């Protein structure tokens, strides 16, 4: 097989994989945590064995969907952090970006972070617990890198940035989960409450010399 043929086959496989992920997204938007491999295969117009052939198993499909949505969320968070505004405004914008994302697509959020409740058949539900923690760790590491690059934290700054990154992500996740379920206040109020909680040493720290600023 020559290089051109291999490239064409890879492009075709990549395109088919994207189509299957888009079908899976439609099912997740409709069914949330109750999304099943059977429903996704039916939406894509294929049999379940073909779906397994592309993703291996439920875990493989979940990981692909999680990467798709996490990549998009991280791009949005980076844009909020890079906006031309003062530090407090960017912190609030970043918090709001996260909350807006889970508010706009609550079924996707619940699929990624919550197991199906009351599922009947063997095909119901995905092993959410096995995969959701790595998503949060990835977001924590990404945020830690942003903090380390931008804020002068002095000696031990890398360790502190990682603690802050994972702590902020944990706070956003826990507070956002509570808020999405109960809606005890407006999104704007929650953004302000969380920003107030963060606004201690983060406000006092200077920008890192040579960094992009924060």
N, C-alpha and C. Protein backbone atom coordinates (compact mmCIF):
# COMPACT_ATOMS: atom_id res chain seq x y z
N UNK A 1 0.84 -1.20 0.00
CA UNK A 1 0.00 0.00 0.00
C UNK A 1 0.88 1.25 0.00
N UNK A 2 0.65 2.15 -0.96
CA UNK A 2 1.50 3.33 -1.02
C UNK A 2 1.04 4.38 -0.01
N UNK A 3 1.88 5.43 0.13
CA UNK A 3 1.62 6.45 1.15
C UNK A 3 0.31 7.18 0.89
N UNK A 4 0.02 7.48 -0.37
CA UNK A 4 -1.22 8.21 -0.71
C UNK A 4 -2.45 7.42 -0.31
N UNK A 5 -2.42 6.11 -0.58
CA UNK A 5 -3.56 5.27 -0.24
C UNK A 5 -3.75 5.19 1.27
N UNK A 6 -2.62 5.07 2.00
CA UNK A 6 -2.71 5.02 3.47
C UNK A 6 -3.27 6.33 4.01
N UNK A 7 -2.83 7.45 3.44
CA UNK A 7 -3.31 8.76 3.88
C UNK A 7 -4.80 8.90 3.63
N UNK A 8 -5.26 8.47 2.44
CA UNK A 8 -6.69 8.55 2.11
C UNK A 8 -7.51 7.69 3.07
N UNK A 9 -7.01 6.51 3.39
CA UNK A 9 -7.72 5.63 4.31
C UNK A 9 -7.79 6.23 5.71
N UNK A 10 -6.71 6.87 6.13
CA UNK A 10 -6.68 7.49 7.45
C UNK A 10 -7.67 8.66 7.50
N UNK A 11 -7.70 9.45 6.44
CA UNK A 11 -8.65 10.57 6.40
C UNK A 11 -10.08 10.06 6.45
N UNK A 12 -10.34 8.99 5.72
CA UNK A 12 -11.68 8.41 5.71
C UNK A 12 -12.05 7.90 7.10
N UNK A 13 -11.09 7.25 7.77
CA UNK A 13 -11.34 6.73 9.12
C UNK A 13 -11.57 7.86 10.10
N UNK A 14 -10.78 8.92 9.98
CA UNK A 14 -10.94 10.08 10.87
C UNK A 14 -12.30 10.75 10.66
N UNK A 15 -12.69 10.86 9.39
CA UNK A 15 -13.98 11.47 9.08
C UNK A 15 -15.13 10.62 9.65
N UNK A 16 -15.01 9.31 9.50
CA UNK A 16 -16.05 8.42 10.02
C UNK A 16 -16.11 8.50 11.54
N UNK A 17 -14.97 8.59 12.18
CA UNK A 17 -14.92 8.70 13.64
C UNK A 17 -15.61 9.99 14.10
N UNK A 18 -15.35 11.09 13.39
CA UNK A 18 -16.01 12.35 13.73
C UNK A 18 -17.53 12.23 13.58
N UNK A 19 -17.97 11.59 12.51
CA UNK A 19 -19.40 11.41 12.30
C UNK A 19 -20.04 10.60 13.43
N UNK A 20 -19.33 9.57 13.88
CA UNK A 20 -19.84 8.75 14.98
C UNK A 20 -19.89 9.53 16.29
N UNK A 21 -18.87 10.37 16.51
CA UNK A 21 -18.88 11.20 17.71
C UNK A 21 -20.01 12.22 17.67
N UNK A 22 -20.31 12.75 16.49
CA UNK A 22 -21.42 13.69 16.37
C UNK A 22 -22.75 12.98 16.63
N UNK A 23 -22.87 11.74 16.17
CA UNK A 23 -24.08 10.96 16.47
C UNK A 23 -24.18 10.69 17.97
N UNK A 24 -23.04 10.37 18.59
CA UNK A 24 -23.03 10.14 20.03
C UNK A 24 -23.42 11.41 20.78
N UNK A 25 -22.94 12.55 20.31
CA UNK A 25 -23.30 13.83 20.94
C UNK A 25 -24.81 14.07 20.90
N UNK A 26 -25.42 13.75 19.78
CA UNK A 26 -26.87 13.96 19.67
C UNK A 26 -27.63 13.11 20.68
N UNK A 27 -27.17 11.88 20.87
CA UNK A 27 -27.81 10.99 21.85
C UNK A 27 -27.58 11.51 23.26
N UNK A 28 -26.37 11.96 23.54
CA UNK A 28 -26.06 12.48 24.87
C UNK A 28 -26.90 13.72 25.17
N UNK A 29 -27.06 14.61 24.18
CA UNK A 29 -27.89 15.80 24.37
C UNK A 29 -29.34 15.43 24.66
N UNK A 30 -29.77 14.32 24.12
CA UNK A 30 -31.15 13.88 24.33
C UNK A 30 -31.31 13.09 25.62
N UNK A 31 -30.36 12.17 25.88
CA UNK A 31 -30.52 11.20 26.96
C UNK A 31 -29.66 11.45 28.19
N UNK A 32 -28.65 12.30 28.06
CA UNK A 32 -27.76 12.55 29.19
C UNK A 32 -27.09 11.29 29.68
N UNK A 33 -27.03 11.08 31.01
CA UNK A 33 -26.33 9.91 31.55
C UNK A 33 -26.95 8.58 31.11
N UNK A 34 -28.19 8.61 30.63
CA UNK A 34 -28.84 7.37 30.19
C UNK A 34 -28.42 6.96 28.78
N UNK A 35 -27.59 7.74 28.12
CA UNK A 35 -27.13 7.39 26.77
C UNK A 35 -26.50 6.00 26.78
N UNK A 36 -26.83 5.22 25.78
CA UNK A 36 -26.32 3.84 25.70
C UNK A 36 -25.64 3.60 24.36
N UNK A 37 -24.82 2.56 24.33
CA UNK A 37 -24.17 2.19 23.08
C UNK A 37 -25.20 1.78 22.03
N UNK A 38 -26.26 1.10 22.45
CA UNK A 38 -27.32 0.73 21.50
C UNK A 38 -27.94 1.95 20.85
N UNK A 39 -28.26 2.97 21.68
CA UNK A 39 -28.89 4.18 21.15
C UNK A 39 -27.94 4.94 20.23
N UNK A 40 -26.67 4.98 20.59
CA UNK A 40 -25.69 5.70 19.78
C UNK A 40 -25.50 4.99 18.43
N UNK A 41 -25.41 3.66 18.46
CA UNK A 41 -25.28 2.91 17.21
C UNK A 41 -26.51 3.13 16.32
N UNK A 42 -27.69 3.13 16.92
CA UNK A 42 -28.92 3.35 16.15
C UNK A 42 -28.93 4.75 15.54
N UNK A 43 -28.51 5.75 16.31
CA UNK A 43 -28.46 7.12 15.81
C UNK A 43 -27.51 7.25 14.63
N UNK A 44 -26.40 6.50 14.68
CA UNK A 44 -25.40 6.55 13.62
C UNK A 44 -25.78 5.67 12.43
N UNK A 45 -26.81 4.85 12.59
CA UNK A 45 -27.23 3.97 11.51
C UNK A 45 -26.30 2.79 11.29
N UNK A 46 -25.68 2.32 12.38
CA UNK A 46 -24.76 1.19 12.29
C UNK A 46 -25.11 0.18 13.39
N UNK A 47 -24.43 -0.94 13.38
CA UNK A 47 -24.61 -1.92 14.45
C UNK A 47 -23.62 -1.64 15.57
N UNK A 48 -23.93 -2.16 16.74
CA UNK A 48 -23.05 -1.91 17.88
C UNK A 48 -21.64 -2.48 17.68
N UNK A 49 -21.48 -3.65 17.06
CA UNK A 49 -20.11 -4.14 16.81
C UNK A 49 -19.26 -3.17 15.99
N UNK A 50 -19.88 -2.47 15.04
CA UNK A 50 -19.12 -1.49 14.25
C UNK A 50 -18.70 -0.33 15.13
N UNK A 51 -19.57 0.08 16.05
CA UNK A 51 -19.23 1.15 16.99
C UNK A 51 -18.05 0.73 17.87
N UNK A 52 -18.09 -0.51 18.33
CA UNK A 52 -16.98 -1.04 19.13
C UNK A 52 -15.68 -1.09 18.32
N UNK A 53 -15.81 -1.36 17.03
CA UNK A 53 -14.62 -1.45 16.19
C UNK A 53 -13.89 -0.11 16.14
N UNK A 54 -14.64 0.98 16.18
CA UNK A 54 -14.03 2.32 16.12
C UNK A 54 -13.50 2.79 17.47
N UNK A 55 -14.15 2.37 18.57
CA UNK A 55 -13.78 2.93 19.88
C UNK A 55 -13.35 1.88 20.91
N UNK A 56 -13.43 0.61 20.55
CA UNK A 56 -12.98 -0.44 21.45
C UNK A 56 -14.05 -0.90 22.42
N UNK A 57 -14.56 0.01 23.24
CA UNK A 57 -15.60 -0.30 24.21
C UNK A 57 -16.25 0.99 24.68
N UNK A 58 -17.11 0.88 25.68
CA UNK A 58 -17.77 2.08 26.21
C UNK A 58 -16.74 3.09 26.70
N UNK A 59 -15.71 2.58 27.37
CA UNK A 59 -14.68 3.46 27.91
C UNK A 59 -13.99 4.25 26.81
N UNK A 60 -13.73 3.60 25.68
CA UNK A 60 -13.09 4.28 24.57
C UNK A 60 -13.95 5.37 23.99
N UNK A 61 -15.27 5.10 23.86
CA UNK A 61 -16.18 6.11 23.35
C UNK A 61 -16.32 7.26 24.35
N UNK A 62 -16.45 6.91 25.63
CA UNK A 62 -16.56 7.95 26.65
C UNK A 62 -15.32 8.85 26.62
N UNK A 63 -14.13 8.24 26.54
CA UNK A 63 -12.89 9.02 26.53
C UNK A 63 -12.84 9.95 25.32
N UNK A 64 -13.29 9.47 24.17
CA UNK A 64 -13.28 10.30 22.96
C UNK A 64 -14.25 11.47 23.10
N UNK A 65 -15.44 11.21 23.64
CA UNK A 65 -16.41 12.29 23.85
C UNK A 65 -15.89 13.28 24.89
N UNK A 66 -15.30 12.74 25.96
CA UNK A 66 -14.78 13.61 27.02
C UNK A 66 -13.67 14.51 26.49
N UNK A 67 -12.77 13.96 25.66
CA UNK A 67 -11.70 14.77 25.09
C UNK A 67 -12.28 15.86 24.20
N UNK A 68 -13.27 15.51 23.41
CA UNK A 68 -13.91 16.46 22.49
C UNK A 68 -14.46 17.67 23.27
N UNK A 69 -15.19 17.39 24.35
CA UNK A 69 -15.81 18.47 25.10
C UNK A 69 -14.81 19.19 26.01
N UNK A 70 -13.86 18.46 26.55
CA UNK A 70 -12.86 19.10 27.41
C UNK A 70 -11.96 20.01 26.59
N UNK A 71 -11.58 19.59 25.39
CA UNK A 71 -10.77 20.45 24.51
C UNK A 71 -11.50 21.76 24.22
N UNK A 72 -12.79 21.67 23.91
CA UNK A 72 -13.57 22.86 23.60
C UNK A 72 -13.68 23.77 24.83
N UNK A 73 -13.90 23.17 26.00
CA UNK A 73 -14.00 23.96 27.22
C UNK A 73 -12.69 24.64 27.55
N UNK A 74 -11.58 23.91 27.43
CA UNK A 74 -10.27 24.50 27.72
C UNK A 74 -9.95 25.64 26.76
N UNK A 75 -10.32 25.51 25.50
CA UNK A 75 -10.12 26.61 24.55
C UNK A 75 -10.89 27.86 25.01
N UNK A 76 -12.12 27.66 25.48
CA UNK A 76 -12.92 28.79 25.95
C UNK A 76 -12.33 29.41 27.21
N UNK A 77 -11.84 28.56 28.11
CA UNK A 77 -11.24 29.07 29.35
C UNK A 77 -9.96 29.86 29.05
N UNK A 78 -9.15 29.35 28.10
CA UNK A 78 -7.92 30.07 27.73
C UNK A 78 -8.26 31.43 27.13
N UNK A 79 -9.30 31.48 26.30
CA UNK A 79 -9.71 32.75 25.69
C UNK A 79 -10.13 33.74 26.77
N UNK A 80 -10.83 33.26 27.80
CA UNK A 80 -11.24 34.14 28.90
C UNK A 80 -10.03 34.65 29.67
N UNK A 81 -9.05 33.77 29.88
CA UNK A 81 -7.84 34.16 30.60
C UNK A 81 -6.98 35.13 29.79
N UNK A 82 -7.08 35.08 28.47
CA UNK A 82 -6.26 35.94 27.61
C UNK A 82 -6.95 37.23 27.21
N UNK A 83 -8.18 37.43 27.68
CA UNK A 83 -8.93 38.61 27.29
C UNK A 83 -8.25 39.89 27.80
N UNK A 84 -8.35 40.99 27.05
CA UNK A 84 -7.74 42.25 27.48
C UNK A 84 -8.57 42.91 28.58
N UNK A 85 -8.32 42.50 29.82
CA UNK A 85 -9.06 43.04 30.96
C UNK A 85 -8.17 42.92 32.19
N UNK A 86 -8.60 43.53 33.30
CA UNK A 86 -7.78 43.41 34.50
C UNK A 86 -7.96 42.01 35.11
N UNK A 87 -7.13 41.69 36.09
CA UNK A 87 -7.07 40.33 36.61
C UNK A 87 -8.41 39.89 37.20
N UNK A 88 -9.04 40.72 37.98
CA UNK A 88 -10.31 40.35 38.59
C UNK A 88 -11.36 40.04 37.52
N UNK A 89 -11.41 40.85 36.48
CA UNK A 89 -12.37 40.62 35.40
C UNK A 89 -12.10 39.30 34.70
N UNK A 90 -10.82 38.99 34.51
CA UNK A 90 -10.49 37.73 33.83
C UNK A 90 -10.80 36.52 34.70
N UNK A 91 -10.59 36.64 36.02
CA UNK A 91 -10.96 35.56 36.93
C UNK A 91 -12.47 35.33 36.86
N UNK A 92 -13.24 36.41 36.94
CA UNK A 92 -14.69 36.28 36.87
C UNK A 92 -15.14 35.73 35.52
N UNK A 93 -14.49 36.18 34.45
CA UNK A 93 -14.85 35.70 33.11
C UNK A 93 -14.56 34.21 32.97
N UNK A 94 -13.46 33.75 33.55
CA UNK A 94 -13.11 32.34 33.47
C UNK A 94 -14.11 31.49 34.25
N UNK A 95 -14.47 31.93 35.45
CA UNK A 95 -15.49 31.22 36.23
C UNK A 95 -16.81 31.20 35.47
N UNK A 96 -17.20 32.32 34.89
CA UNK A 96 -18.46 32.40 34.17
C UNK A 96 -18.45 31.52 32.93
N UNK A 97 -17.31 31.44 32.26
CA UNK A 97 -17.20 30.59 31.07
C UNK A 97 -17.47 29.14 31.41
N UNK A 98 -16.91 28.68 32.53
CA UNK A 98 -17.15 27.30 32.96
C UNK A 98 -18.62 27.08 33.29
N UNK A 99 -19.18 27.96 34.09
CA UNK A 99 -20.58 27.81 34.49
C UNK A 99 -21.52 27.92 33.30
N UNK A 100 -21.22 28.83 32.37
CA UNK A 100 -22.05 28.97 31.17
C UNK A 100 -22.03 27.70 30.33
N UNK A 101 -20.87 27.04 30.28
CA UNK A 101 -20.75 25.82 29.48
C UNK A 101 -21.61 24.70 30.05
N UNK A 102 -21.59 24.52 31.38
CA UNK A 102 -22.39 23.43 31.94
C UNK A 102 -23.87 23.79 31.96
N UNK A 103 -24.17 25.09 32.01
CA UNK A 103 -25.57 25.51 31.97
C UNK A 103 -26.15 25.32 30.57
N UNK A 104 -25.35 25.59 29.55
CA UNK A 104 -25.83 25.50 28.17
C UNK A 104 -26.09 24.07 27.74
N UNK A 105 -25.27 23.13 28.26
CA UNK A 105 -25.42 21.73 27.85
C UNK A 105 -25.42 20.84 29.09
N UNK A 106 -26.46 20.96 29.92
CA UNK A 106 -26.48 20.19 31.17
C UNK A 106 -26.48 18.69 30.96
N UNK A 107 -27.11 18.20 29.88
CA UNK A 107 -27.12 16.76 29.65
C UNK A 107 -25.72 16.24 29.34
N UNK A 108 -24.94 17.02 28.60
CA UNK A 108 -23.55 16.63 28.33
C UNK A 108 -22.75 16.61 29.62
N UNK A 109 -22.93 17.65 30.44
CA UNK A 109 -22.22 17.69 31.72
C UNK A 109 -22.57 16.48 32.59
N UNK A 110 -23.86 16.17 32.68
CA UNK A 110 -24.27 15.04 33.51
C UNK A 110 -23.76 13.72 32.95
N UNK A 111 -23.72 13.61 31.63
CA UNK A 111 -23.17 12.40 31.02
C UNK A 111 -21.70 12.24 31.39
N UNK A 112 -20.95 13.34 31.36
CA UNK A 112 -19.51 13.26 31.62
C UNK A 112 -19.20 13.06 33.11
N UNK A 113 -20.06 13.57 33.98
CA UNK A 113 -19.71 13.60 35.39
C UNK A 113 -20.59 12.78 36.32
N UNK A 114 -21.72 12.29 35.83
CA UNK A 114 -22.64 11.56 36.70
C UNK A 114 -23.03 10.22 36.08
N UNK A 115 -23.04 9.15 36.88
CA UNK A 115 -23.50 7.87 36.34
C UNK A 115 -25.00 7.90 36.11
N UNK A 116 -25.45 7.03 35.21
CA UNK A 116 -26.88 6.92 34.96
C UNK A 116 -27.59 6.43 36.21
N UNK A 117 -28.77 6.97 36.46
CA UNK A 117 -29.55 6.56 37.63
C UNK A 117 -30.72 5.70 37.19
N UNK A 118 -30.87 4.57 37.82
CA UNK A 118 -32.01 3.72 37.55
C UNK A 118 -31.98 3.03 36.20
N UNK A 119 -30.78 2.85 35.63
CA UNK A 119 -30.67 2.17 34.34
C UNK A 119 -31.11 0.73 34.45
N UNK A 120 -31.79 0.24 33.42
CA UNK A 120 -32.32 -1.11 33.50
C UNK A 120 -31.43 -2.15 32.84
N UNK A 121 -31.19 -2.00 31.53
CA UNK A 121 -30.48 -3.03 30.78
C UNK A 121 -28.99 -3.02 31.00
N UNK A 122 -28.34 -4.07 30.51
CA UNK A 122 -26.89 -4.19 30.68
C UNK A 122 -26.15 -3.11 29.91
N UNK A 123 -26.82 -2.54 28.90
CA UNK A 123 -26.15 -1.52 28.09
C UNK A 123 -26.31 -0.12 28.66
N UNK A 124 -27.04 0.01 29.77
CA UNK A 124 -27.29 1.34 30.31
C UNK A 124 -26.06 1.87 31.04
N UNK A 125 -25.76 3.13 30.80
CA UNK A 125 -24.75 3.81 31.60
C UNK A 125 -23.33 3.55 31.17
N UNK A 126 -22.46 4.49 31.50
CA UNK A 126 -21.04 4.40 31.25
C UNK A 126 -20.32 4.42 32.59
N UNK A 127 -19.12 3.88 32.63
CA UNK A 127 -18.35 3.85 33.86
C UNK A 127 -17.75 5.23 34.11
N UNK A 128 -18.61 6.15 34.55
CA UNK A 128 -18.23 7.54 34.66
C UNK A 128 -17.09 7.75 35.67
N UNK A 129 -17.19 7.09 36.82
CA UNK A 129 -16.19 7.30 37.87
C UNK A 129 -14.77 7.01 37.42
N UNK A 130 -14.62 6.05 36.52
CA UNK A 130 -13.30 5.65 36.06
C UNK A 130 -12.66 6.73 35.20
N UNK A 131 -13.47 7.58 34.58
CA UNK A 131 -12.95 8.52 33.61
C UNK A 131 -13.08 9.99 33.98
N UNK A 132 -14.03 10.34 34.86
CA UNK A 132 -14.25 11.76 35.15
C UNK A 132 -13.10 12.37 35.94
N UNK A 133 -12.50 11.61 36.86
CA UNK A 133 -11.39 12.16 37.65
C UNK A 133 -10.22 12.59 36.76
N UNK A 134 -9.81 11.81 35.76
CA UNK A 134 -8.75 12.28 34.87
C UNK A 134 -9.10 13.57 34.13
N UNK A 135 -10.37 13.78 33.81
CA UNK A 135 -10.77 15.03 33.16
C UNK A 135 -10.50 16.22 34.07
N UNK A 136 -10.87 16.08 35.34
CA UNK A 136 -10.66 17.17 36.29
C UNK A 136 -9.17 17.38 36.54
N UNK A 137 -8.40 16.28 36.58
CA UNK A 137 -6.95 16.42 36.77
C UNK A 137 -6.33 17.15 35.59
N UNK A 138 -6.78 16.82 34.39
CA UNK A 138 -6.25 17.51 33.20
C UNK A 138 -6.53 19.00 33.28
N UNK A 139 -7.75 19.37 33.65
CA UNK A 139 -8.09 20.78 33.76
C UNK A 139 -7.26 21.45 34.85
N UNK A 140 -7.04 20.74 35.96
CA UNK A 140 -6.22 21.29 37.04
C UNK A 140 -4.80 21.56 36.60
N UNK A 141 -4.22 20.63 35.85
CA UNK A 141 -2.84 20.80 35.36
C UNK A 141 -2.76 21.95 34.35
N UNK A 142 -3.76 22.05 33.49
CA UNK A 142 -3.78 23.14 32.51
C UNK A 142 -3.84 24.50 33.22
N UNK A 143 -4.71 24.61 34.22
CA UNK A 143 -4.83 25.87 34.93
C UNK A 143 -3.57 26.16 35.73
N UNK A 144 -2.97 25.13 36.31
CA UNK A 144 -1.72 25.31 37.05
C UNK A 144 -0.63 25.88 36.15
N UNK A 145 -0.55 25.39 34.92
CA UNK A 145 0.45 25.88 33.98
C UNK A 145 0.22 27.36 33.66
N UNK A 146 -1.05 27.73 33.49
CA UNK A 146 -1.38 29.13 33.22
C UNK A 146 -0.95 30.01 34.39
N UNK A 147 -1.25 29.58 35.61
CA UNK A 147 -0.90 30.36 36.80
C UNK A 147 0.61 30.50 36.92
N UNK A 148 1.32 29.38 36.74
CA UNK A 148 2.78 29.41 36.89
C UNK A 148 3.43 30.32 35.85
N UNK A 149 2.89 30.32 34.63
CA UNK A 149 3.46 31.14 33.56
C UNK A 149 3.22 32.63 33.78
N UNK A 150 2.16 32.98 34.50
CA UNK A 150 1.71 34.36 34.54
C UNK A 150 1.92 35.06 35.88
N UNK A 151 1.93 34.30 36.97
CA UNK A 151 1.93 34.92 38.30
C UNK A 151 3.24 34.62 39.02
N UNK A 152 3.83 35.65 39.60
CA UNK A 152 5.08 35.49 40.37
C UNK A 152 4.73 35.00 41.76
N UNK A 153 4.94 33.72 42.00
CA UNK A 153 4.59 33.12 43.29
C UNK A 153 5.81 32.90 44.18
N UNK A 154 6.97 33.34 43.70
CA UNK A 154 8.17 33.23 44.52
C UNK A 154 8.69 31.81 44.62
N UNK A 155 9.56 31.54 45.62
CA UNK A 155 10.11 30.18 45.79
C UNK A 155 8.99 29.16 45.98
N UNK A 156 9.16 28.01 45.34
CA UNK A 156 8.13 26.98 45.41
C UNK A 156 6.90 27.30 44.59
N UNK A 157 7.06 28.21 43.62
CA UNK A 157 5.92 28.66 42.83
C UNK A 157 5.25 27.56 42.03
N UNK A 158 6.05 26.62 41.51
CA UNK A 158 5.45 25.55 40.70
C UNK A 158 4.51 24.70 41.54
N UNK A 159 4.96 24.33 42.74
CA UNK A 159 4.12 23.51 43.62
C UNK A 159 2.85 24.27 44.02
N UNK A 160 3.01 25.56 44.33
CA UNK A 160 1.86 26.37 44.71
C UNK A 160 0.88 26.52 43.55
N UNK A 161 1.42 26.73 42.35
CA UNK A 161 0.55 26.87 41.17
C UNK A 161 -0.26 25.59 40.94
N UNK A 162 0.36 24.45 41.14
CA UNK A 162 -0.38 23.19 40.95
C UNK A 162 -1.46 23.04 42.02
N UNK A 163 -1.13 23.40 43.25
CA UNK A 163 -2.13 23.33 44.32
C UNK A 163 -3.31 24.26 44.01
N UNK A 164 -3.00 25.47 43.56
CA UNK A 164 -4.05 26.41 43.20
C UNK A 164 -4.85 25.91 42.00
N UNK A 165 -4.17 25.42 40.97
CA UNK A 165 -4.86 24.96 39.77
C UNK A 165 -5.87 23.87 40.08
N UNK A 166 -5.42 22.85 40.81
CA UNK A 166 -6.33 21.75 41.14
C UNK A 166 -7.40 22.20 42.13
N UNK A 167 -7.03 23.08 43.05
CA UNK A 167 -8.01 23.58 44.01
C UNK A 167 -9.11 24.39 43.36
N UNK A 168 -8.73 25.25 42.41
CA UNK A 168 -9.72 26.08 41.72
C UNK A 168 -10.65 25.21 40.86
N UNK A 169 -10.07 24.23 40.17
CA UNK A 169 -10.90 23.34 39.35
C UNK A 169 -11.86 22.56 40.24
N UNK A 170 -11.36 22.06 41.37
CA UNK A 170 -12.23 21.33 42.30
C UNK A 170 -13.36 22.21 42.81
N UNK A 171 -13.03 23.46 43.12
CA UNK A 171 -14.05 24.40 43.58
C UNK A 171 -15.09 24.66 42.49
N UNK A 172 -14.63 24.91 41.27
CA UNK A 172 -15.56 25.17 40.16
C UNK A 172 -16.47 23.97 39.94
N UNK A 173 -15.88 22.78 39.97
CA UNK A 173 -16.66 21.57 39.72
C UNK A 173 -17.71 21.35 40.81
N UNK A 174 -17.28 21.42 42.07
CA UNK A 174 -18.21 21.15 43.16
C UNK A 174 -19.30 22.22 43.24
N UNK A 175 -18.89 23.49 43.16
CA UNK A 175 -19.87 24.57 43.24
C UNK A 175 -20.80 24.56 42.03
N UNK A 176 -20.23 24.31 40.84
CA UNK A 176 -21.05 24.26 39.63
C UNK A 176 -22.04 23.12 39.66
N UNK A 177 -21.63 21.98 40.18
CA UNK A 177 -22.52 20.82 40.27
C UNK A 177 -23.70 21.12 41.20
N UNK A 178 -23.40 21.71 42.33
CA UNK A 178 -24.44 22.10 43.29
C UNK A 178 -25.38 23.13 42.68
N UNK A 179 -24.81 24.13 42.02
CA UNK A 179 -25.60 25.21 41.45
C UNK A 179 -26.50 24.70 40.32
N UNK A 180 -25.95 23.84 39.46
CA UNK A 180 -26.72 23.33 38.33
C UNK A 180 -27.91 22.51 38.81
N UNK A 181 -27.72 21.80 39.93
CA UNK A 181 -28.80 20.96 40.45
C UNK A 181 -29.87 21.73 41.20
N UNK A 182 -29.47 22.78 41.93
CA UNK A 182 -30.42 23.47 42.81
C UNK A 182 -30.81 24.87 42.33
N UNK A 183 -29.96 25.51 41.55
CA UNK A 183 -30.17 26.90 41.11
C UNK A 183 -30.56 27.81 42.28
N UNK A 184 -29.72 27.86 43.33
CA UNK A 184 -30.05 28.67 44.50
C UNK A 184 -29.79 30.16 44.30
N UNK A 185 -29.08 30.52 43.24
CA UNK A 185 -28.76 31.91 42.97
C UNK A 185 -28.50 32.07 41.49
N UNK A 186 -28.33 33.30 41.05
CA UNK A 186 -28.03 33.53 39.64
C UNK A 186 -26.59 33.12 39.34
N UNK A 187 -26.32 32.93 38.06
CA UNK A 187 -24.95 32.60 37.65
C UNK A 187 -24.01 33.75 38.00
N UNK A 188 -24.46 34.96 37.78
CA UNK A 188 -23.63 36.13 38.08
C UNK A 188 -23.28 36.20 39.57
N UNK A 189 -24.27 35.88 40.41
CA UNK A 189 -24.01 35.89 41.85
C UNK A 189 -22.98 34.83 42.22
N UNK A 190 -23.12 33.63 41.66
CA UNK A 190 -22.17 32.57 41.98
C UNK A 190 -20.77 32.93 41.51
N UNK A 191 -20.66 33.53 40.34
CA UNK A 191 -19.35 33.98 39.85
C UNK A 191 -18.73 34.95 40.85
N UNK A 192 -19.51 35.89 41.32
CA UNK A 192 -18.99 36.87 42.27
C UNK A 192 -18.59 36.22 43.59
N UNK A 193 -19.41 35.29 44.08
CA UNK A 193 -19.10 34.61 45.33
C UNK A 193 -17.78 33.85 45.23
N UNK A 194 -17.60 33.13 44.14
CA UNK A 194 -16.38 32.32 43.98
C UNK A 194 -15.16 33.21 43.77
N UNK A 195 -15.34 34.28 43.00
CA UNK A 195 -14.22 35.21 42.80
C UNK A 195 -13.80 35.85 44.11
N UNK A 196 -14.77 36.17 44.97
CA UNK A 196 -14.44 36.73 46.28
C UNK A 196 -13.61 35.74 47.10
N UNK A 197 -13.98 34.46 47.01
CA UNK A 197 -13.25 33.43 47.74
C UNK A 197 -11.81 33.33 47.27
N UNK A 198 -11.60 33.47 45.96
CA UNK A 198 -10.25 33.37 45.39
C UNK A 198 -9.42 34.64 45.61
N UNK A 199 -10.08 35.74 45.87
CA UNK A 199 -9.42 37.03 45.81
C UNK A 199 -8.64 37.33 47.08
N UNK A 200 -7.57 36.57 47.30
CA UNK A 200 -6.68 36.80 48.42
C UNK A 200 -5.27 36.99 47.90
N UNK A 201 -4.45 35.98 48.04
CA UNK A 201 -3.07 36.09 47.56
C UNK A 201 -3.02 36.23 46.03
N UNK A 202 -4.03 35.70 45.37
CA UNK A 202 -4.07 35.83 43.91
C UNK A 202 -4.11 37.30 43.51
N UNK A 203 -4.82 38.10 44.27
CA UNK A 203 -4.90 39.52 43.97
C UNK A 203 -3.59 40.24 44.27
N UNK A 204 -2.89 39.78 45.33
CA UNK A 204 -1.68 40.47 45.77
C UNK A 204 -0.45 40.10 44.96
N UNK A 205 -0.42 38.92 44.36
CA UNK A 205 0.77 38.45 43.64
C UNK A 205 1.00 39.29 42.39
N UNK A 206 2.27 39.57 42.10
CA UNK A 206 2.61 40.31 40.90
C UNK A 206 2.67 39.41 39.68
N UNK A 207 2.73 40.02 38.50
CA UNK A 207 2.89 39.25 37.27
C UNK A 207 4.30 38.69 37.20
N UNK A 208 4.41 37.53 36.61
CA UNK A 208 5.72 36.90 36.41
C UNK A 208 6.52 37.70 35.38
N UNK A 209 7.78 37.98 35.69
CA UNK A 209 8.64 38.72 34.78
C UNK A 209 8.81 37.94 33.48
N UNK A 210 8.54 38.60 32.36
CA UNK A 210 8.69 37.94 31.06
C UNK A 210 7.51 37.10 30.65
N UNK A 211 6.51 36.95 31.55
CA UNK A 211 5.34 36.16 31.22
C UNK A 211 4.30 36.99 30.51
N UNK A 212 3.18 36.36 30.10
CA UNK A 212 2.14 37.07 29.37
C UNK A 212 1.28 37.95 30.26
N UNK A 213 1.46 37.87 31.57
CA UNK A 213 0.67 38.69 32.47
C UNK A 213 -0.64 38.05 32.84
N UNK A 214 -1.14 38.44 34.03
CA UNK A 214 -2.42 37.90 34.50
C UNK A 214 -3.14 38.97 35.30
